[in-house]
């Protein structure tokens, strides 16, 4: 398994240890997925180090909270779209050159795609783009026997939350779901495993909501 990440070296090593405990090999590739050359490097490294490419999971994301659209700089908008949207196009493009029949691409959308929070204006727009990209690409490659789907999380407790949200928002985070709390990252795993498995052989273009009961 190849793990792509920006610069969170300690977190990447921790993840690699879990993979290795399961008896699998972990390849770590740091770098910015907003860069087209690096996206191609990720795919080529996966093939050269692991021998083949069967599954691509696009999960990289960047978000920032703003009070007004006037506070949203071009640099912030550009970074958000490059990380959240461009990377998925570029990685999928490179991966599809290497994938054969039975390949699977799993994108990460969000409930923000259909129920945007105003402070996350740019982030929500990118997630709507991801959902649409997933459906369109699924139609494009279905005849090749490659399935493209997405997982759309609701509020999930990750380091991104306290680092990008005001303290008062952090305290209330996830309480607006019927379940009444944010998800733990592990609670999303089942959706990704399903879409990666043969049990999802008739699923293509799906955006699977894991939202604590909030409708999409």
C-alpha atoms as a PDB file:
ATOM      1  CA  UNK A   1       0.000   0.000   0.000  1.00  0.00           C
ATOM      2  CA  UNK A   2       1.286   3.455  -0.885  1.00  0.00           C
ATOM      3  CA  UNK A   3       0.562   6.352   1.488  1.00  0.00           C
ATOM      4  CA  UNK A   4       0.725   9.834  -0.005  1.00  0.00           C
ATOM      5  CA  UNK A   5       0.938  12.750   2.420  1.00  0.00           C
ATOM      6  CA  UNK A   6       2.139  16.358   2.534  1.00  0.00           C
ATOM      7  CA  UNK A   7       4.579  16.642   5.435  1.00  0.00           C
ATOM      8  CA  UNK A   8       2.995  14.796   8.381  1.00  0.00           C
ATOM      9  CA  UNK A   9       5.904  12.371   8.690  1.00  0.00           C
ATOM     10  CA  UNK A  10       5.084  11.079  12.171  1.00  0.00           C
ATOM     11  CA  UNK A  11       1.444  10.387  11.296  1.00  0.00           C
ATOM     12  CA  UNK A  12       2.533   8.636   8.105  1.00  0.00           C
ATOM     13  CA  UNK A  13       4.943   6.394  10.009  1.00  0.00           C
ATOM     14  CA  UNK A  14       2.204   5.511  12.504  1.00  0.00           C
ATOM     15  CA  UNK A  15      -0.120   4.565   9.630  1.00  0.00           C
ATOM     16  CA  UNK A  16       2.622   2.509   8.012  1.00  0.00           C
ATOM     17  CA  UNK A  17       3.065   0.533  11.248  1.00  0.00           C
ATOM     18  CA  UNK A  18      -0.607  -0.459  11.249  1.00  0.00           C
ATOM     19  CA  UNK A  19      -0.321  -1.608   7.634  1.00  0.00           C
ATOM     20  CA  UNK A  20       2.799  -3.623   8.387  1.00  0.00           C
ATOM     21  CA  UNK A  21       1.173  -5.228  11.428  1.00  0.00           C
ATOM     22  CA  UNK A  22      -1.497  -6.497   9.041  1.00  0.00           C
ATOM     23  CA  UNK A  23       1.231  -8.187   7.034  1.00  0.00           C
ATOM     24  CA  UNK A  24       1.332  -5.686   4.192  1.00  0.00           C
ATOM     25  CA  UNK A  25       4.065  -3.466   2.827  1.00  0.00           C
ATOM     26  CA  UNK A  26       3.806   0.311   3.241  1.00  0.00           C
ATOM     27  CA  UNK A  27       5.448   2.794   0.869  1.00  0.00           C
ATOM     28  CA  UNK A  28       5.537   6.424   2.033  1.00  0.00           C
ATOM     29  CA  UNK A  29       5.597   9.241  -0.535  1.00  0.00           C
ATOM     30  CA  UNK A  30       5.565  12.789   0.875  1.00  0.00           C
ATOM     31  CA  UNK A  31       4.731  15.760  -1.321  1.00  0.00           C
ATOM     32  CA  UNK A  32       2.035  18.138  -2.546  1.00  0.00           C
ATOM     33  CA  UNK A  33      -0.786  16.489  -4.506  1.00  0.00           C
ATOM     34  CA  UNK A  34      -1.662  19.907  -5.886  1.00  0.00           C
ATOM     35  CA  UNK A  35       1.343  19.489  -8.185  1.00  0.00           C
ATOM     36  CA  UNK A  36       0.722  17.544 -11.390  1.00  0.00           C
ATOM     37  CA  UNK A  37       4.244  16.123 -11.625  1.00  0.00           C
ATOM     38  CA  UNK A  38       4.035  14.834  -8.067  1.00  0.00           C
ATOM     39  CA  UNK A  39       0.678  13.149  -8.759  1.00  0.00           C
ATOM     40  CA  UNK A  40       2.245  11.245 -11.633  1.00  0.00           C
ATOM     41  CA  UNK A  41       5.218  10.388  -9.408  1.00  0.00           C
ATOM     42  CA  UNK A  42       2.839   8.878  -6.834  1.00  0.00           C
ATOM     43  CA  UNK A  43       1.253   6.577  -9.392  1.00  0.00           C
ATOM     44  CA  UNK A  44       4.539   5.572 -11.003  1.00  0.00           C
ATOM     45  CA  UNK A  45       6.025   4.835  -7.570  1.00  0.00           C
ATOM     46  CA  UNK A  46       3.041   2.677  -6.645  1.00  0.00           C
ATOM     47  CA  UNK A  47       3.479   0.590  -9.783  1.00  0.00           C
ATOM     48  CA  UNK A  48       7.262   0.310  -9.542  1.00  0.00           C
ATOM     49  CA  UNK A  49       7.314  -0.506  -5.816  1.00  0.00           C
ATOM     50  CA  UNK A  50       4.199  -2.676  -5.572  1.00  0.00           C
ATOM     51  CA  UNK A  51       4.001  -4.148  -9.048  1.00  0.00           C
ATOM     52  CA  UNK A  52       0.495  -3.029  -9.991  1.00  0.00           C
ATOM     53  CA  UNK A  53      -2.273  -0.554  -9.197  1.00  0.00           C
ATOM     54  CA  UNK A  54      -5.734  -1.847  -8.336  1.00  0.00           C
ATOM     55  CA  UNK A  55      -7.277   0.810  -6.074  1.00  0.00           C
ATOM     56  CA  UNK A  56      -6.876   4.581  -5.837  1.00  0.00           C
ATOM     57  CA  UNK A  57      -8.344   6.385  -2.821  1.00  0.00           C
ATOM     58  CA  UNK A  58      -8.405  10.186  -3.122  1.00  0.00           C
ATOM     59  CA  UNK A  59      -8.616  11.601   0.382  1.00  0.00           C
ATOM     60  CA  UNK A  60      -6.374  14.697   0.497  1.00  0.00           C
ATOM     61  CA  UNK A  61      -8.144  17.880   1.573  1.00  0.00           C
ATOM     62  CA  UNK A  62      -7.537  21.450   2.664  1.00  0.00           C
ATOM     63  CA  UNK A  63     -10.029  23.801   4.290  1.00  0.00           C
ATOM     64  CA  UNK A  64     -10.065  27.201   5.956  1.00  0.00           C
ATOM     65  CA  UNK A  65     -12.858  29.055   7.710  1.00  0.00           C
ATOM     66  CA  UNK A  66     -13.797  32.605   6.650  1.00  0.00           C
ATOM     67  CA  UNK A  67     -16.404  35.064   7.904  1.00  0.00           C
ATOM     68  CA  UNK A  68     -16.952  36.728   4.527  1.00  0.00           C
ATOM     69  CA  UNK A  69     -16.186  36.021   0.885  1.00  0.00           C
ATOM     70  CA  UNK A  70     -14.104  39.201   1.060  1.00  0.00           C
ATOM     71  CA  UNK A  71     -11.745  37.335   3.390  1.00  0.00           C
ATOM     72  CA  UNK A  72     -11.178  34.544   0.869  1.00  0.00           C
ATOM     73  CA  UNK A  73      -7.914  35.332  -0.905  1.00  0.00           C
ATOM     74  CA  UNK A  74      -7.051  33.983  -4.328  1.00  0.00           C
ATOM     75  CA  UNK A  75      -4.126  32.107  -2.796  1.00  0.00           C
ATOM     76  CA  UNK A  76      -6.431  30.321  -0.339  1.00  0.00           C
ATOM     77  CA  UNK A  77      -8.992  29.561  -3.050  1.00  0.00           C
ATOM     78  CA  UNK A  78      -6.274  28.265  -5.363  1.00  0.00           C
ATOM     79  CA  UNK A  79      -4.766  26.022  -2.687  1.00  0.00           C
ATOM     80  CA  UNK A  80      -8.166  24.596  -1.764  1.00  0.00           C
ATOM     81  CA  UNK A  81      -9.092  23.700  -5.344  1.00  0.00           C
ATOM     82  CA  UNK A  82      -5.632  22.349  -6.190  1.00  0.00           C
ATOM     83  CA  UNK A  83      -5.604  20.083  -3.132  1.00  0.00           C
ATOM     84  CA  UNK A  84      -9.240  18.982  -3.156  1.00  0.00           C
ATOM     85  CA  UNK A  85     -10.182  18.894  -6.846  1.00  0.00           C
ATOM     86  CA  UNK A  86      -7.195  19.150  -9.179  1.00  0.00           C
ATOM     87  CA  UNK A  87      -5.396  16.366  -7.308  1.00  0.00           C
ATOM     88  CA  UNK A  88      -8.278  13.965  -7.887  1.00  0.00           C
ATOM     89  CA  UNK A  89      -8.339  14.705 -11.622  1.00  0.00           C
ATOM     90  CA  UNK A  90      -4.564  14.366 -11.932  1.00  0.00           C
ATOM     91  CA  UNK A  91      -4.238  11.211  -9.843  1.00  0.00           C
ATOM     92  CA  UNK A  92      -7.170   9.557 -11.620  1.00  0.00           C
ATOM     93  CA  UNK A  93      -5.727  10.495 -15.009  1.00  0.00           C
ATOM     94  CA  UNK A  94      -2.356   8.938 -14.178  1.00  0.00           C
ATOM     95  CA  UNK A  95      -3.913   5.912 -12.446  1.00  0.00           C
ATOM     96  CA  UNK A  96      -6.202   5.085 -15.344  1.00  0.00           C
ATOM     97  CA  UNK A  97      -3.175   4.660 -17.582  1.00  0.00           C
ATOM     98  CA  UNK A  98      -2.120   1.815 -15.285  1.00  0.00           C
ATOM     99  CA  UNK A  99      -5.399   0.268 -14.131  1.00  0.00           C
ATOM    100  CA  UNK A 100      -6.978  -2.688 -15.836  1.00  0.00           C
ATOM    101  CA  UNK A 101     -10.416  -4.237 -15.587  1.00  0.00           C
ATOM    102  CA  UNK A 102     -11.519  -4.504 -11.972  1.00  0.00           C
ATOM    103  CA  UNK A 103      -9.788  -1.279 -10.941  1.00  0.00           C
ATOM    104  CA  UNK A 104     -11.471   0.951  -8.402  1.00  0.00           C
ATOM    105  CA  UNK A 105     -11.246   4.669  -7.700  1.00  0.00           C
ATOM    106  CA  UNK A 106     -12.758   5.960  -4.461  1.00  0.00           C
ATOM    107  CA  UNK A 107     -13.006   9.719  -3.992  1.00  0.00           C
ATOM    108  CA  UNK A 108     -13.785  11.586  -0.806  1.00  0.00           C
ATOM    109  CA  UNK A 109     -16.639  14.066  -1.060  1.00  0.00           C
ATOM    110  CA  UNK A 110     -18.516  15.529   1.942  1.00  0.00           C
ATOM    111  CA  UNK A 111     -21.947  16.449   3.195  1.00  0.00           C
ATOM    112  CA  UNK A 112     -20.713  19.971   2.424  1.00  0.00           C
ATOM    113  CA  UNK A 113     -21.349  19.132  -1.227  1.00  0.00           C
ATOM    114  CA  UNK A 114     -25.101  19.403  -0.704  1.00  0.00           C
ATOM    115  CA  UNK A 115     -25.390  21.259   2.626  1.00  0.00           C
ATOM    116  CA  UNK A 116     -22.618  23.873   2.634  1.00  0.00           C
ATOM    117  CA  UNK A 117     -21.570  25.725   5.763  1.00  0.00           C
ATOM    118  CA  UNK A 118     -21.018  29.401   4.856  1.00  0.00           C
ATOM    119  CA  UNK A 119     -17.617  29.687   6.630  1.00  0.00           C
ATOM    120  CA  UNK A 120     -16.377  26.749   4.516  1.00  0.00           C
ATOM    121  CA  UNK A 121     -17.370  28.380   1.239  1.00  0.00           C
ATOM    122  CA  UNK A 122     -14.399  27.253  -0.835  1.00  0.00           C
ATOM    123  CA  UNK A 123     -14.141  23.804   0.736  1.00  0.00           C
ATOM    124  CA  UNK A 124     -17.849  23.115   0.185  1.00  0.00           C
ATOM    125  CA  UNK A 125     -17.587  24.149  -3.455  1.00  0.00           C
ATOM    126  CA  UNK A 126     -14.711  21.717  -3.997  1.00  0.00           C
ATOM    127  CA  UNK A 127     -16.659  18.862  -2.452  1.00  0.00           C
ATOM    128  CA  UNK A 128     -19.603  19.520  -4.761  1.00  0.00           C
ATOM    129  CA  UNK A 129     -17.121  19.339  -7.633  1.00  0.00           C
ATOM    130  CA  UNK A 130     -15.794  16.019  -6.310  1.00  0.00           C
ATOM    131  CA  UNK A 131     -19.285  14.507  -6.176  1.00  0.00           C
ATOM    132  CA  UNK A 132     -19.972  15.596  -9.760  1.00  0.00           C
ATOM    133  CA  UNK A 133     -16.533  14.433 -10.938  1.00  0.00           C
ATOM    134  CA  UNK A 134     -17.191  11.025  -9.393  1.00  0.00           C
ATOM    135  CA  UNK A 135     -20.461  10.559 -11.254  1.00  0.00           C
ATOM    136  CA  UNK A 136     -19.051  11.764 -14.562  1.00  0.00           C
ATOM    137  CA  UNK A 137     -15.852   9.720 -14.401  1.00  0.00           C
ATOM    138  CA  UNK A 138     -17.837   6.623 -13.400  1.00  0.00           C
ATOM    139  CA  UNK A 139     -19.810   6.863 -16.649  1.00  0.00           C
ATOM    140  CA  UNK A 140     -16.642   7.480 -18.653  1.00  0.00           C
ATOM    141  CA  UNK A 141     -14.728   4.389 -17.498  1.00  0.00           C
ATOM    142  CA  UNK A 142     -17.482   1.879 -16.720  1.00  0.00           C
ATOM    143  CA  UNK A 143     -17.061   0.161 -20.088  1.00  0.00           C
ATOM    144  CA  UNK A 144     -13.449  -0.571 -19.112  1.00  0.00           C
ATOM    145  CA  UNK A 145     -14.655  -2.491 -16.050  1.00  0.00           C
ATOM    146  CA  UNK A 146     -13.377   0.199 -13.663  1.00  0.00           C
ATOM    147  CA  UNK A 147     -15.668   1.440 -10.912  1.00  0.00           C
ATOM    148  CA  UNK A 148     -15.581   5.001  -9.564  1.00  0.00           C
ATOM    149  CA  UNK A 149     -17.459   5.905  -6.383  1.00  0.00           C
ATOM    150  CA  UNK A 150     -17.161   8.302  -3.468  1.00  0.00           C
ATOM    151  CA  UNK A 151     -17.648   8.424   0.274  1.00  0.00           C
ATOM    152  CA  UNK A 152     -19.297  11.566   1.628  1.00  0.00           C
ATOM    153  CA  UNK A 153     -18.532  11.988   5.334  1.00  0.00           C
ATOM    154  CA  UNK A 154     -20.470  14.219   7.646  1.00  0.00           C
ATOM    155  CA  UNK A 155     -18.682  15.846  10.578  1.00  0.00           C
ATOM    156  CA  UNK A 156     -15.595  13.779  11.460  1.00  0.00           C
ATOM    157  CA  UNK A 157     -13.264  14.486  14.362  1.00  0.00           C
ATOM    158  CA  UNK A 158      -9.818  14.934  12.805  1.00  0.00           C
ATOM    159  CA  UNK A 159      -6.885  17.296  13.523  1.00  0.00           C
ATOM    160  CA  UNK A 160      -8.248  19.507  10.736  1.00  0.00           C
ATOM    161  CA  UNK A 161     -11.170  20.573  12.942  1.00  0.00           C
ATOM    162  CA  UNK A 162      -9.438  22.314  15.875  1.00  0.00           C
ATOM    163  CA  UNK A 163      -6.762  23.684  13.544  1.00  0.00           C
ATOM    164  CA  UNK A 164      -9.174  25.389  11.114  1.00  0.00           C
ATOM    165  CA  UNK A 165     -12.264  26.307  13.166  1.00  0.00           C
ATOM    166  CA  UNK A 166     -12.977  28.864  15.908  1.00  0.00           C
ATOM    167  CA  UNK A 167     -13.091  27.386  19.421  1.00  0.00           C
ATOM    168  CA  UNK A 168     -16.856  27.911  19.804  1.00  0.00           C
ATOM    169  CA  UNK A 169     -17.488  25.997  16.563  1.00  0.00           C
ATOM    170  CA  UNK A 170     -15.230  23.174  17.712  1.00  0.00           C
ATOM    171  CA  UNK A 171     -17.250  22.779  20.920  1.00  0.00           C
ATOM    172  CA  UNK A 172     -20.477  22.337  18.932  1.00  0.00           C
ATOM    173  CA  UNK A 173     -18.946  20.297  16.130  1.00  0.00           C
ATOM    174  CA  UNK A 174     -21.117  17.350  15.093  1.00  0.00           C
ATOM    175  CA  UNK A 175     -23.973  18.066  17.470  1.00  0.00           C
ATOM    176  CA  UNK A 176     -26.252  19.004  14.560  1.00  0.00           C
ATOM    177  CA  UNK A 177     -26.493  15.367  13.448  1.00  0.00           C
ATOM    178  CA  UNK A 178     -29.348  13.080  14.537  1.00  0.00           C
ATOM    179  CA  UNK A 179     -26.730  10.869  16.193  1.00  0.00           C
ATOM    180  CA  UNK A 180     -25.603  13.968  18.086  1.00  0.00           C
ATOM    181  CA  UNK A 181     -21.835  13.744  17.739  1.00  0.00           C
ATOM    182  CA  UNK A 182     -19.073  13.756  15.132  1.00  0.00           C
ATOM    183  CA  UNK A 183     -17.783  10.497  13.697  1.00  0.00           C
ATOM    184  CA  UNK A 184     -14.465   8.954  14.582  1.00  0.00           C
ATOM    185  CA  UNK A 185     -12.330   8.353  11.457  1.00  0.00           C
ATOM    186  CA  UNK A 186     -12.552   4.575  11.948  1.00  0.00           C
ATOM    187  CA  UNK A 187     -16.322   4.799  11.524  1.00  0.00           C
ATOM    188  CA  UNK A 188     -15.799   5.697   7.853  1.00  0.00           C
ATOM    189  CA  UNK A 189     -13.633   2.676   7.123  1.00  0.00           C
ATOM    190  CA  UNK A 190     -16.501   0.309   6.347  1.00  0.00           C
ATOM    191  CA  UNK A 191     -17.753   2.489   3.498  1.00  0.00           C
ATOM    192  CA  UNK A 192     -14.336   2.602   1.848  1.00  0.00           C
ATOM    193  CA  UNK A 193     -13.840  -1.147   2.322  1.00  0.00           C
ATOM    194  CA  UNK A 194     -17.234  -1.825   0.741  1.00  0.00           C
ATOM    195  CA  UNK A 195     -16.473   0.284  -2.322  1.00  0.00           C
ATOM    196  CA  UNK A 196     -13.060  -1.341  -2.664  1.00  0.00           C
ATOM    197  CA  UNK A 197     -14.503  -4.847  -2.479  1.00  0.00           C
ATOM    198  CA  UNK A 198     -16.287  -7.112  -4.930  1.00  0.00           C
ATOM    199  CA  UNK A 199     -19.430  -6.713  -2.803  1.00  0.00           C
ATOM    200  CA  UNK A 200     -19.820  -3.334  -4.529  1.00  0.00           C
ATOM    201  CA  UNK A 201     -19.537  -4.826  -8.016  1.00  0.00           C
ATOM    202  CA  UNK A 202     -22.783  -3.127  -9.141  1.00  0.00           C
ATOM    203  CA  UNK A 203     -21.972   0.268  -7.603  1.00  0.00           C
ATOM    204  CA  UNK A 204     -20.640   2.975  -9.908  1.00  0.00           C
ATOM    205  CA  UNK A 205     -21.061   6.736  -9.587  1.00  0.00           C
ATOM    206  CA  UNK A 206     -22.398   6.332  -6.057  1.00  0.00           C
ATOM    207  CA  UNK A 207     -21.773   8.913  -3.353  1.00  0.00           C
ATOM    208  CA  UNK A 208     -22.145   6.990  -0.102  1.00  0.00           C
ATOM    209  CA  UNK A 209     -23.266   9.227   2.766  1.00  0.00           C
ATOM    210  CA  UNK A 210     -21.721   8.550   6.185  1.00  0.00           C
ATOM    211  CA  UNK A 211     -23.239  11.572   7.873  1.00  0.00           C
ATOM    212  CA  UNK A 212     -24.619  10.617  11.276  1.00  0.00           C
ATOM    213  CA  UNK A 213     -28.165  10.794   9.917  1.00  0.00           C
ATOM    214  CA  UNK A 214     -27.979  14.152   8.118  1.00  0.00           C
ATOM    215  CA  UNK A 215     -29.592  13.708   4.673  1.00  0.00           C
ATOM    216  CA  UNK A 216     -27.773  14.398   1.422  1.00  0.00           C
END
